[in-house]
Amino acid sequence: MMRFAAPLIGFLVLVALLYVGLGLDPREVPSPLVGRPAPAFVLPALGADAGTVSERDLAGAPVTVLNVWASWCAACVTEHPVLSAWVRRRELPLVGLNYKDEPDAASAWLARFGNPFHRIAMDREGRVGIDWGVYGVPETFLVDRAGIIRYKHIGPLTPQVIAERLDPLIDRMRRGEAAP
């Protein structure tokens, strides 16, 4: 009897794990950075004589949005009008992390689609993206006034994600309530 029970129990456990795994959202990858200070960096800013951008540019406001994007990213084109309208409507400071891109290509992309960013850091080698745990582009982070990462979204922002997840979190952060 045990000879048949052990494989059956193993099979049922495997089916249960598969069932749970299929129910997970692939965009909800837990980030070890959420709840921790933004990784330190200093990168050249996009634009002639634009200086540098660092993690210090993310602190100070109740909420700052860091958006990782690239001119070669097709999903970034889809996300861009949603992102632009959202930060304008919510009056959010938006810092860009241009990932593994060339400055001329990034500037041309912004000239074509518009520039909603307050500052843009050029991560040409992708090293800062690695420190931030970037899987790909686009990705979006919310950073609080103390420079603590409070949320990470993988993939393009949609009106649904903004309404259901980001706006409620931003409202709590602006009221000074602890973020989840």
N, C-alpha and C. Protein backbone atom coordinates (compact mmCIF):
# COMPACT_ATOMS: atom_id res chain seq x y z
N MET A 1 0.82 -1.20 0.00
CA MET A 1 0.00 0.00 0.00
C MET A 1 0.87 1.26 0.00
N MET A 2 1.93 1.30 0.82
CA MET A 2 2.83 2.46 0.88
C MET A 2 3.54 2.68 -0.46
N ARG A 3 3.74 1.59 -1.16
CA ARG A 3 4.42 1.68 -2.45
C ARG A 3 3.61 2.54 -3.43
N PHE A 4 2.31 2.54 -3.32
CA PHE A 4 1.44 3.35 -4.18
C PHE A 4 1.14 4.71 -3.59
N ALA A 5 1.13 4.83 -2.27
CA ALA A 5 0.78 6.08 -1.60
C ALA A 5 1.87 7.15 -1.79
N ALA A 6 3.14 6.77 -1.69
CA ALA A 6 4.23 7.76 -1.80
C ALA A 6 4.23 8.45 -3.16
N PRO A 7 4.15 7.74 -4.29
CA PRO A 7 4.10 8.44 -5.58
C PRO A 7 2.84 9.28 -5.73
N LEU A 8 1.72 8.81 -5.20
CA LEU A 8 0.48 9.57 -5.29
C LEU A 8 0.58 10.87 -4.49
N ILE A 9 1.13 10.80 -3.29
CA ILE A 9 1.32 12.01 -2.47
C ILE A 9 2.27 12.96 -3.17
N GLY A 10 3.37 12.45 -3.71
CA GLY A 10 4.32 13.30 -4.45
C GLY A 10 3.67 13.98 -5.64
N PHE A 11 2.85 13.24 -6.37
CA PHE A 11 2.14 13.79 -7.52
C PHE A 11 1.18 14.89 -7.08
N LEU A 12 0.44 14.68 -6.00
CA LEU A 12 -0.51 15.68 -5.50
C LEU A 12 0.20 16.95 -5.03
N VAL A 13 1.35 16.80 -4.39
CA VAL A 13 2.13 17.97 -3.97
C VAL A 13 2.60 18.74 -5.19
N LEU A 14 3.07 18.05 -6.20
CA LEU A 14 3.51 18.69 -7.44
C LEU A 14 2.36 19.44 -8.12
N VAL A 15 1.19 18.84 -8.18
CA VAL A 15 0.02 19.48 -8.76
C VAL A 15 -0.36 20.73 -7.96
N ALA A 16 -0.29 20.65 -6.63
CA ALA A 16 -0.62 21.80 -5.78
C ALA A 16 0.37 22.95 -6.02
N LEU A 17 1.65 22.64 -6.11
CA LEU A 17 2.66 23.68 -6.39
C LEU A 17 2.45 24.31 -7.76
N LEU A 18 2.14 23.51 -8.74
CA LEU A 18 1.88 24.02 -10.09
C LEU A 18 0.65 24.92 -10.07
N TYR A 19 -0.40 24.52 -9.38
CA TYR A 19 -1.62 25.32 -9.29
C TYR A 19 -1.33 26.68 -8.66
N VAL A 20 -0.58 26.70 -7.58
CA VAL A 20 -0.24 27.96 -6.90
C VAL A 20 0.64 28.81 -7.82
N GLY A 21 1.63 28.19 -8.45
CA GLY A 21 2.54 28.93 -9.32
C GLY A 21 1.85 29.56 -10.51
N LEU A 22 0.87 28.88 -11.09
CA LEU A 22 0.15 29.43 -12.24
C LEU A 22 -0.74 30.61 -11.85
N GLY A 23 -1.08 30.71 -10.58
CA GLY A 23 -1.91 31.81 -10.12
C GLY A 23 -1.13 33.07 -9.79
N LEU A 24 0.19 33.01 -9.81
CA LEU A 24 1.01 34.18 -9.47
C LEU A 24 1.14 35.12 -10.66
N ASP A 25 1.24 36.41 -10.36
CA ASP A 25 1.43 37.43 -11.39
C ASP A 25 2.93 37.56 -11.67
N PRO A 26 3.38 37.33 -12.91
CA PRO A 26 4.82 37.40 -13.20
C PRO A 26 5.39 38.80 -13.02
N ARG A 27 4.54 39.83 -12.98
CA ARG A 27 5.02 41.20 -12.76
C ARG A 27 5.24 41.48 -11.28
N GLU A 28 4.77 40.60 -10.43
CA GLU A 28 4.92 40.78 -8.99
C GLU A 28 6.13 39.99 -8.50
N VAL A 29 7.30 40.38 -8.95
CA VAL A 29 8.53 39.75 -8.51
C VAL A 29 8.98 40.48 -7.25
N PRO A 30 9.07 39.80 -6.13
CA PRO A 30 9.46 40.50 -4.91
C PRO A 30 10.86 41.08 -5.05
N SER A 31 11.02 42.31 -4.62
CA SER A 31 12.32 42.97 -4.70
C SER A 31 12.90 43.11 -3.31
N PRO A 32 14.12 42.67 -3.11
CA PRO A 32 14.75 42.84 -1.80
C PRO A 32 15.04 44.31 -1.50
N LEU A 33 14.90 45.18 -2.49
CA LEU A 33 15.19 46.60 -2.28
C LEU A 33 14.02 47.36 -1.67
N VAL A 34 12.80 46.85 -1.79
CA VAL A 34 11.65 47.55 -1.24
C VAL A 34 11.81 47.61 0.27
N GLY A 35 11.69 48.84 0.81
CA GLY A 35 11.88 49.06 2.24
C GLY A 35 13.31 49.41 2.60
N ARG A 36 14.18 49.49 1.61
CA ARG A 36 15.59 49.80 1.86
C ARG A 36 15.98 51.09 1.14
N PRO A 37 17.09 51.71 1.56
CA PRO A 37 17.55 52.92 0.87
C PRO A 37 17.89 52.64 -0.59
N ALA A 38 17.62 53.63 -1.41
CA ALA A 38 17.97 53.52 -2.84
C ALA A 38 19.47 53.30 -2.97
N PRO A 39 19.88 52.37 -3.83
CA PRO A 39 21.32 52.14 -4.02
C PRO A 39 22.03 53.42 -4.48
N ALA A 40 23.21 53.62 -3.95
CA ALA A 40 24.00 54.80 -4.30
C ALA A 40 24.46 54.73 -5.75
N PHE A 41 24.43 55.87 -6.42
CA PHE A 41 24.96 55.96 -7.78
C PHE A 41 25.22 57.42 -8.11
N VAL A 42 26.11 57.63 -9.05
CA VAL A 42 26.33 58.93 -9.67
C VAL A 42 26.55 58.65 -11.15
N LEU A 43 25.67 59.20 -11.98
CA LEU A 43 25.74 58.98 -13.42
C LEU A 43 25.66 60.31 -14.15
N PRO A 44 26.21 60.37 -15.35
CA PRO A 44 26.04 61.59 -16.13
C PRO A 44 24.58 61.78 -16.51
N ALA A 45 24.15 63.03 -16.49
CA ALA A 45 22.79 63.35 -16.90
C ALA A 45 22.74 63.50 -18.40
N LEU A 46 21.58 63.20 -18.97
CA LEU A 46 21.40 63.37 -20.42
C LEU A 46 21.36 64.85 -20.74
N GLY A 47 22.08 65.22 -21.76
CA GLY A 47 22.11 66.61 -22.20
C GLY A 47 23.50 67.20 -22.02
N ALA A 48 23.83 68.09 -22.92
CA ALA A 48 25.14 68.75 -22.85
C ALA A 48 25.20 69.59 -21.58
N ASP A 49 26.30 69.47 -20.87
CA ASP A 49 26.54 70.24 -19.65
C ASP A 49 25.42 70.05 -18.62
N ALA A 50 24.83 68.87 -18.56
CA ALA A 50 23.72 68.62 -17.65
C ALA A 50 24.17 68.17 -16.26
N GLY A 51 25.46 67.93 -16.08
CA GLY A 51 25.95 67.50 -14.77
C GLY A 51 25.73 66.03 -14.53
N THR A 52 25.40 65.71 -13.29
CA THR A 52 25.20 64.32 -12.90
C THR A 52 23.85 64.16 -12.19
N VAL A 53 23.45 62.89 -12.10
CA VAL A 53 22.25 62.51 -11.35
C VAL A 53 22.71 61.45 -10.36
N SER A 54 22.18 61.53 -9.13
CA SER A 54 22.53 60.55 -8.10
C SER A 54 21.28 60.16 -7.33
N GLU A 55 21.45 59.21 -6.42
CA GLU A 55 20.33 58.79 -5.58
C GLU A 55 19.82 59.94 -4.72
N ARG A 56 20.64 60.96 -4.48
CA ARG A 56 20.20 62.12 -3.71
C ARG A 56 19.10 62.90 -4.43
N ASP A 57 19.07 62.78 -5.76
CA ASP A 57 18.01 63.45 -6.54
C ASP A 57 16.64 62.80 -6.33
N LEU A 58 16.61 61.63 -5.70
CA LEU A 58 15.36 60.90 -5.49
C LEU A 58 14.73 61.22 -4.13
N ALA A 59 15.49 61.78 -3.21
CA ALA A 59 15.00 62.04 -1.85
C ALA A 59 14.50 63.48 -1.76
N GLY A 60 13.71 63.74 -0.73
CA GLY A 60 13.25 65.10 -0.45
C GLY A 60 11.78 65.31 -0.68
N ALA A 61 11.26 64.89 -1.82
CA ALA A 61 9.82 65.01 -2.10
C ALA A 61 9.10 63.86 -1.38
N PRO A 62 7.82 64.06 -1.04
CA PRO A 62 7.09 62.94 -0.41
C PRO A 62 7.15 61.66 -1.25
N VAL A 63 7.13 61.81 -2.57
CA VAL A 63 7.23 60.67 -3.49
C VAL A 63 7.99 61.13 -4.71
N THR A 64 8.97 60.34 -5.13
CA THR A 64 9.64 60.55 -6.41
C THR A 64 9.53 59.25 -7.20
N VAL A 65 9.28 59.38 -8.48
CA VAL A 65 9.17 58.23 -9.37
C VAL A 65 10.48 58.09 -10.14
N LEU A 66 11.05 56.89 -10.12
CA LEU A 66 12.21 56.57 -10.95
C LEU A 66 11.71 55.59 -12.01
N ASN A 67 11.86 55.98 -13.28
CA ASN A 67 11.41 55.13 -14.38
C ASN A 67 12.62 54.71 -15.20
N VAL A 68 12.78 53.40 -15.36
CA VAL A 68 13.87 52.83 -16.16
C VAL A 68 13.34 52.61 -17.57
N TRP A 69 14.00 53.21 -18.55
CA TRP A 69 13.51 53.17 -19.92
C TRP A 69 14.69 53.17 -20.89
N ALA A 70 14.39 52.95 -22.16
CA ALA A 70 15.41 52.99 -23.21
C ALA A 70 14.75 53.29 -24.55
N SER A 71 15.50 53.88 -25.45
CA SER A 71 14.96 54.21 -26.77
C SER A 71 14.68 52.96 -27.59
N TRP A 72 15.35 51.86 -27.30
CA TRP A 72 15.17 50.61 -28.05
C TRP A 72 14.04 49.75 -27.49
N CYS A 73 13.35 50.23 -26.46
CA CYS A 73 12.32 49.46 -25.77
C CYS A 73 10.94 49.73 -26.37
N ALA A 74 10.35 48.72 -27.00
CA ALA A 74 9.02 48.88 -27.61
C ALA A 74 7.95 49.12 -26.55
N ALA A 75 8.03 48.45 -25.41
CA ALA A 75 7.04 48.63 -24.35
C ALA A 75 7.12 50.04 -23.75
N CYS A 76 8.29 50.67 -23.83
CA CYS A 76 8.44 52.04 -23.32
C CYS A 76 7.61 53.03 -24.14
N VAL A 77 7.48 52.76 -25.43
CA VAL A 77 6.66 53.62 -26.30
C VAL A 77 5.19 53.53 -25.86
N THR A 78 4.73 52.32 -25.56
CA THR A 78 3.36 52.12 -25.09
C THR A 78 3.14 52.78 -23.73
N GLU A 79 4.11 52.65 -22.85
CA GLU A 79 3.99 53.18 -21.49
C GLU A 79 4.09 54.70 -21.44
N HIS A 80 4.84 55.30 -22.33
CA HIS A 80 5.20 56.71 -22.24
C HIS A 80 4.02 57.67 -22.10
N PRO A 81 2.97 57.58 -22.91
CA PRO A 81 1.86 58.53 -22.71
C PRO A 81 1.13 58.32 -21.38
N VAL A 82 1.07 57.08 -20.91
CA VAL A 82 0.43 56.79 -19.63
C VAL A 82 1.27 57.38 -18.50
N LEU A 83 2.57 57.14 -18.54
CA LEU A 83 3.49 57.67 -17.54
C LEU A 83 3.47 59.20 -17.54
N SER A 84 3.55 59.79 -18.71
CA SER A 84 3.58 61.25 -18.83
C SER A 84 2.32 61.90 -18.25
N ALA A 85 1.16 61.36 -18.62
CA ALA A 85 -0.10 61.92 -18.12
C ALA A 85 -0.22 61.73 -16.61
N TRP A 86 0.21 60.59 -16.11
CA TRP A 86 0.11 60.30 -14.67
C TRP A 86 0.97 61.25 -13.84
N VAL A 87 2.24 61.42 -14.20
CA VAL A 87 3.10 62.29 -13.38
C VAL A 87 2.65 63.74 -13.49
N ARG A 88 2.11 64.13 -14.62
CA ARG A 88 1.59 65.50 -14.78
C ARG A 88 0.34 65.69 -13.90
N ARG A 89 -0.57 64.73 -13.97
CA ARG A 89 -1.82 64.81 -13.19
C ARG A 89 -1.54 64.79 -11.69
N ARG A 90 -0.62 63.95 -11.24
CA ARG A 90 -0.32 63.81 -9.81
C ARG A 90 0.77 64.78 -9.34
N GLU A 91 1.35 65.54 -10.27
CA GLU A 91 2.44 66.49 -9.95
C GLU A 91 3.58 65.77 -9.21
N LEU A 92 4.07 64.70 -9.85
CA LEU A 92 5.13 63.87 -9.28
C LEU A 92 6.47 64.19 -9.92
N PRO A 93 7.52 64.32 -9.12
CA PRO A 93 8.85 64.42 -9.72
C PRO A 93 9.21 63.08 -10.38
N LEU A 94 9.67 63.15 -11.61
CA LEU A 94 10.00 61.94 -12.38
C LEU A 94 11.46 61.99 -12.79
N VAL A 95 12.22 61.00 -12.33
CA VAL A 95 13.62 60.86 -12.70
C VAL A 95 13.72 59.65 -13.61
N GLY A 96 14.42 59.80 -14.72
CA GLY A 96 14.60 58.70 -15.65
C GLY A 96 15.95 58.04 -15.47
N LEU A 97 15.98 56.73 -15.62
CA LEU A 97 17.23 55.99 -15.70
C LEU A 97 17.25 55.37 -17.09
N ASN A 98 17.99 56.02 -17.98
CA ASN A 98 18.08 55.55 -19.36
C ASN A 98 19.07 54.40 -19.37
N TYR A 99 18.59 53.21 -19.72
CA TYR A 99 19.28 51.95 -19.50
C TYR A 99 19.90 51.40 -20.78
N LYS A 100 21.22 51.21 -20.75
CA LYS A 100 21.95 50.59 -21.86
C LYS A 100 21.60 51.23 -23.20
N ASP A 101 21.72 52.52 -23.26
CA ASP A 101 21.29 53.29 -24.43
C ASP A 101 22.38 54.29 -24.80
N GLU A 102 22.27 54.84 -25.98
CA GLU A 102 23.17 55.88 -26.44
C GLU A 102 22.51 57.24 -26.25
N PRO A 103 23.25 58.24 -25.82
CA PRO A 103 22.66 59.57 -25.57
C PRO A 103 21.93 60.14 -26.78
N ASP A 104 22.49 60.00 -27.98
CA ASP A 104 21.83 60.55 -29.17
C ASP A 104 20.50 59.85 -29.45
N ALA A 105 20.47 58.53 -29.25
CA ALA A 105 19.22 57.79 -29.46
C ALA A 105 18.19 58.18 -28.41
N ALA A 106 18.61 58.34 -27.15
CA ALA A 106 17.69 58.74 -26.09
C ALA A 106 17.14 60.14 -26.35
N SER A 107 18.00 61.07 -26.77
CA SER A 107 17.55 62.44 -27.05
C SER A 107 16.57 62.47 -28.22
N ALA A 108 16.84 61.69 -29.26
CA ALA A 108 15.93 61.63 -30.41
C ALA A 108 14.58 61.03 -30.01
N TRP A 109 14.60 60.01 -29.17
CA TRP A 109 13.36 59.38 -28.69
C TRP A 109 12.52 60.39 -27.91
N LEU A 110 13.17 61.15 -27.03
CA LEU A 110 12.45 62.16 -26.24
C LEU A 110 11.92 63.29 -27.13
N ALA A 111 12.68 63.67 -28.16
CA ALA A 111 12.21 64.70 -29.09
C ALA A 111 10.96 64.22 -29.82
N ARG A 112 10.92 62.94 -30.11
CA ARG A 112 9.76 62.38 -30.83
C ARG A 112 8.53 62.20 -29.94
N PHE A 113 8.74 61.67 -28.71
CA PHE A 113 7.61 61.30 -27.85
C PHE A 113 7.34 62.27 -26.70
N GLY A 114 8.24 63.20 -26.46
CA GLY A 114 8.07 64.16 -25.37
C GLY A 114 8.91 63.77 -24.16
N ASN A 115 9.26 64.77 -23.37
CA ASN A 115 10.12 64.55 -22.22
C ASN A 115 9.42 64.95 -20.92
N PRO A 116 8.88 63.98 -20.18
CA PRO A 116 8.23 64.28 -18.91
C PRO A 116 9.19 64.27 -17.72
N PHE A 117 10.46 63.94 -17.97
CA PHE A 117 11.43 63.73 -16.89
C PHE A 117 11.99 65.05 -16.37
N HIS A 118 12.19 65.10 -15.06
CA HIS A 118 12.86 66.25 -14.45
C HIS A 118 14.37 66.13 -14.62
N ARG A 119 14.88 64.90 -14.51
CA ARG A 119 16.30 64.59 -14.70
C ARG A 119 16.38 63.21 -15.33
N ILE A 120 17.43 62.97 -16.10
CA ILE A 120 17.64 61.66 -16.71
C ILE A 120 19.09 61.25 -16.50
N ALA A 121 19.28 60.11 -15.85
CA ALA A 121 20.61 59.54 -15.65
C ALA A 121 20.91 58.57 -16.78
N MET A 122 22.11 58.63 -17.31
CA MET A 122 22.51 57.75 -18.41
C MET A 122 23.30 56.56 -17.87
N ASP A 123 22.67 55.40 -17.83
CA ASP A 123 23.31 54.15 -17.38
C ASP A 123 23.70 53.34 -18.61
N ARG A 124 24.69 53.82 -19.33
CA ARG A 124 25.07 53.22 -20.62
C ARG A 124 25.55 51.78 -20.47
N GLU A 125 26.22 51.48 -19.39
CA GLU A 125 26.76 50.12 -19.20
C GLU A 125 25.77 49.20 -18.48
N GLY A 126 24.74 49.76 -17.86
CA GLY A 126 23.75 48.96 -17.15
C GLY A 126 24.15 48.57 -15.74
N ARG A 127 25.25 49.12 -15.23
CA ARG A 127 25.72 48.73 -13.89
C ARG A 127 24.79 49.22 -12.78
N VAL A 128 24.29 50.43 -12.91
CA VAL A 128 23.37 50.94 -11.89
C VAL A 128 22.06 50.16 -11.93
N GLY A 129 21.61 49.81 -13.13
CA GLY A 129 20.42 48.98 -13.25
C GLY A 129 20.57 47.66 -12.51
N ILE A 130 21.75 47.07 -12.56
CA ILE A 130 22.00 45.83 -11.83
C ILE A 130 21.86 46.07 -10.33
N ASP A 131 22.44 47.17 -9.83
CA ASP A 131 22.34 47.50 -8.41
C ASP A 131 20.89 47.69 -7.97
N TRP A 132 20.06 48.18 -8.88
CA TRP A 132 18.65 48.41 -8.59
C TRP A 132 17.80 47.15 -8.82
N GLY A 133 18.41 46.08 -9.29
CA GLY A 133 17.67 44.84 -9.52
C GLY A 133 16.80 44.88 -10.76
N VAL A 134 17.20 45.66 -11.75
CA VAL A 134 16.42 45.80 -12.97
C VAL A 134 16.48 44.50 -13.77
N TYR A 135 15.29 43.99 -14.12
CA TYR A 135 15.18 42.79 -14.95
C TYR A 135 15.14 43.15 -16.42
N GLY A 136 14.56 44.29 -16.73
CA GLY A 136 14.39 44.74 -18.10
C GLY A 136 13.70 46.09 -18.08
N VAL A 137 13.38 46.60 -19.22
CA VAL A 137 12.71 47.89 -19.27
C VAL A 137 11.34 47.73 -19.91
N PRO A 138 10.38 48.50 -19.49
CA PRO A 138 10.45 49.52 -18.44
C PRO A 138 10.21 48.92 -17.05
N GLU A 139 10.74 49.61 -16.07
CA GLU A 139 10.47 49.33 -14.67
C GLU A 139 10.30 50.66 -13.97
N THR A 140 9.48 50.68 -12.92
CA THR A 140 9.18 51.91 -12.21
C THR A 140 9.29 51.68 -10.72
N PHE A 141 9.94 52.63 -10.04
CA PHE A 141 10.12 52.59 -8.59
C PHE A 141 9.50 53.83 -7.97
N LEU A 142 8.93 53.68 -6.77
CA LEU A 142 8.50 54.82 -5.97
C LEU A 142 9.48 54.94 -4.81
N VAL A 143 9.99 56.16 -4.62
CA VAL A 143 10.97 56.43 -3.57
C VAL A 143 10.40 57.51 -2.65
N ASP A 144 10.51 57.31 -1.33
CA ASP A 144 9.95 58.29 -0.40
C ASP A 144 10.94 59.41 -0.09
N ARG A 145 10.52 60.36 0.75
CA ARG A 145 11.33 61.54 1.03
C ARG A 145 12.66 61.21 1.69
N ALA A 146 12.76 60.06 2.36
CA ALA A 146 14.00 59.65 2.99
C ALA A 146 14.91 58.87 2.04
N GLY A 147 14.48 58.68 0.80
CA GLY A 147 15.27 57.92 -0.16
C GLY A 147 15.08 56.42 -0.04
N ILE A 148 13.97 56.00 0.57
CA ILE A 148 13.67 54.58 0.73
C ILE A 148 12.77 54.13 -0.43
N ILE A 149 13.13 53.02 -1.04
CA ILE A 149 12.30 52.45 -2.12
C ILE A 149 11.05 51.85 -1.49
N ARG A 150 9.88 52.28 -1.95
CA ARG A 150 8.62 51.81 -1.38
C ARG A 150 7.85 50.88 -2.31
N TYR A 151 8.19 50.88 -3.60
CA TYR A 151 7.45 50.03 -4.54
C TYR A 151 8.27 49.86 -5.81
N LYS A 152 8.12 48.69 -6.41
CA LYS A 152 8.74 48.41 -7.71
C LYS A 152 7.71 47.75 -8.60
N HIS A 153 7.59 48.29 -9.82
CA HIS A 153 6.69 47.69 -10.81
C HIS A 153 7.53 47.27 -12.02
N ILE A 154 7.36 46.04 -12.44
CA ILE A 154 8.06 45.52 -13.60
C ILE A 154 7.10 45.54 -14.79
N GLY A 155 7.56 46.09 -15.91
CA GLY A 155 6.74 46.16 -17.11
C GLY A 155 6.12 47.53 -17.27
N PRO A 156 5.40 47.72 -18.37
CA PRO A 156 4.81 49.03 -18.62
C PRO A 156 3.68 49.34 -17.65
N LEU A 157 3.64 50.60 -17.23
CA LEU A 157 2.53 51.06 -16.40
C LEU A 157 1.26 51.10 -17.24
N THR A 158 0.15 50.77 -16.61
CA THR A 158 -1.15 50.85 -17.26
C THR A 158 -2.06 51.70 -16.37
N PRO A 159 -3.14 52.23 -16.92
CA PRO A 159 -4.08 52.96 -16.06
C PRO A 159 -4.58 52.11 -14.89
N GLN A 160 -4.77 50.81 -15.10
CA GLN A 160 -5.25 49.93 -14.04
C GLN A 160 -4.22 49.82 -12.91
N VAL A 161 -2.95 49.61 -13.25
CA VAL A 161 -1.90 49.51 -12.24
C VAL A 161 -1.80 50.82 -11.46
N ILE A 162 -1.87 51.93 -12.16
CA ILE A 162 -1.79 53.24 -11.51
C ILE A 162 -2.96 53.42 -10.54
N ALA A 163 -4.18 53.14 -11.00
CA ALA A 163 -5.37 53.35 -10.17
C ALA A 163 -5.44 52.40 -8.99
N GLU A 164 -5.07 51.14 -9.20
CA GLU A 164 -5.23 50.13 -8.16
C GLU A 164 -4.06 50.06 -7.18
N ARG A 165 -2.85 50.35 -7.65
CA ARG A 165 -1.68 50.16 -6.79
C ARG A 165 -0.93 51.44 -6.49
N LEU A 166 -0.58 52.19 -7.53
CA LEU A 166 0.31 53.33 -7.32
C LEU A 166 -0.37 54.53 -6.67
N ASP A 167 -1.52 54.94 -7.18
CA ASP A 167 -2.19 56.11 -6.59
C ASP A 167 -2.53 55.92 -5.12
N PRO A 168 -3.09 54.77 -4.70
CA PRO A 168 -3.36 54.61 -3.27
C PRO A 168 -2.08 54.66 -2.42
N LEU A 169 -1.00 54.07 -2.91
CA LEU A 169 0.27 54.10 -2.18
C LEU A 169 0.81 55.53 -2.11
N ILE A 170 0.73 56.25 -3.19
CA ILE A 170 1.20 57.64 -3.20
C ILE A 170 0.39 58.48 -2.22
N ASP A 171 -0.91 58.27 -2.18
CA ASP A 171 -1.74 59.02 -1.23
C ASP A 171 -1.29 58.74 0.20
N ARG A 172 -1.01 57.48 0.53
CA ARG A 172 -0.53 57.14 1.88
C ARG A 172 0.83 57.77 2.14
N MET A 173 1.71 57.72 1.16
CA MET A 173 3.05 58.29 1.34
C MET A 173 2.96 59.81 1.55
N ARG A 174 2.10 60.48 0.82
CA ARG A 174 1.95 61.93 0.98
C ARG A 174 1.36 62.30 2.33
N ARG A 175 0.55 61.42 2.91
CA ARG A 175 0.01 61.66 4.25
C ARG A 175 1.00 61.29 5.33
N GLY A 176 2.14 60.72 4.93
CA GLY A 176 3.15 60.34 5.90
C GLY A 176 2.90 59.01 6.56
N GLU A 177 1.99 58.23 6.00
CA GLU A 177 1.69 56.90 6.55
C GLU A 177 2.75 55.92 6.07
N ALA A 178 2.98 54.92 6.86
CA ALA A 178 3.98 53.90 6.50
C ALA A 178 3.52 53.17 5.25
N ALA A 179 4.45 53.00 4.34
CA ALA A 179 4.15 52.25 3.11
C ALA A 179 4.28 50.77 3.39
N PRO A 180 3.52 49.95 2.67
CA PRO A 180 3.59 48.51 2.89
C PRO A 180 4.95 47.94 2.52
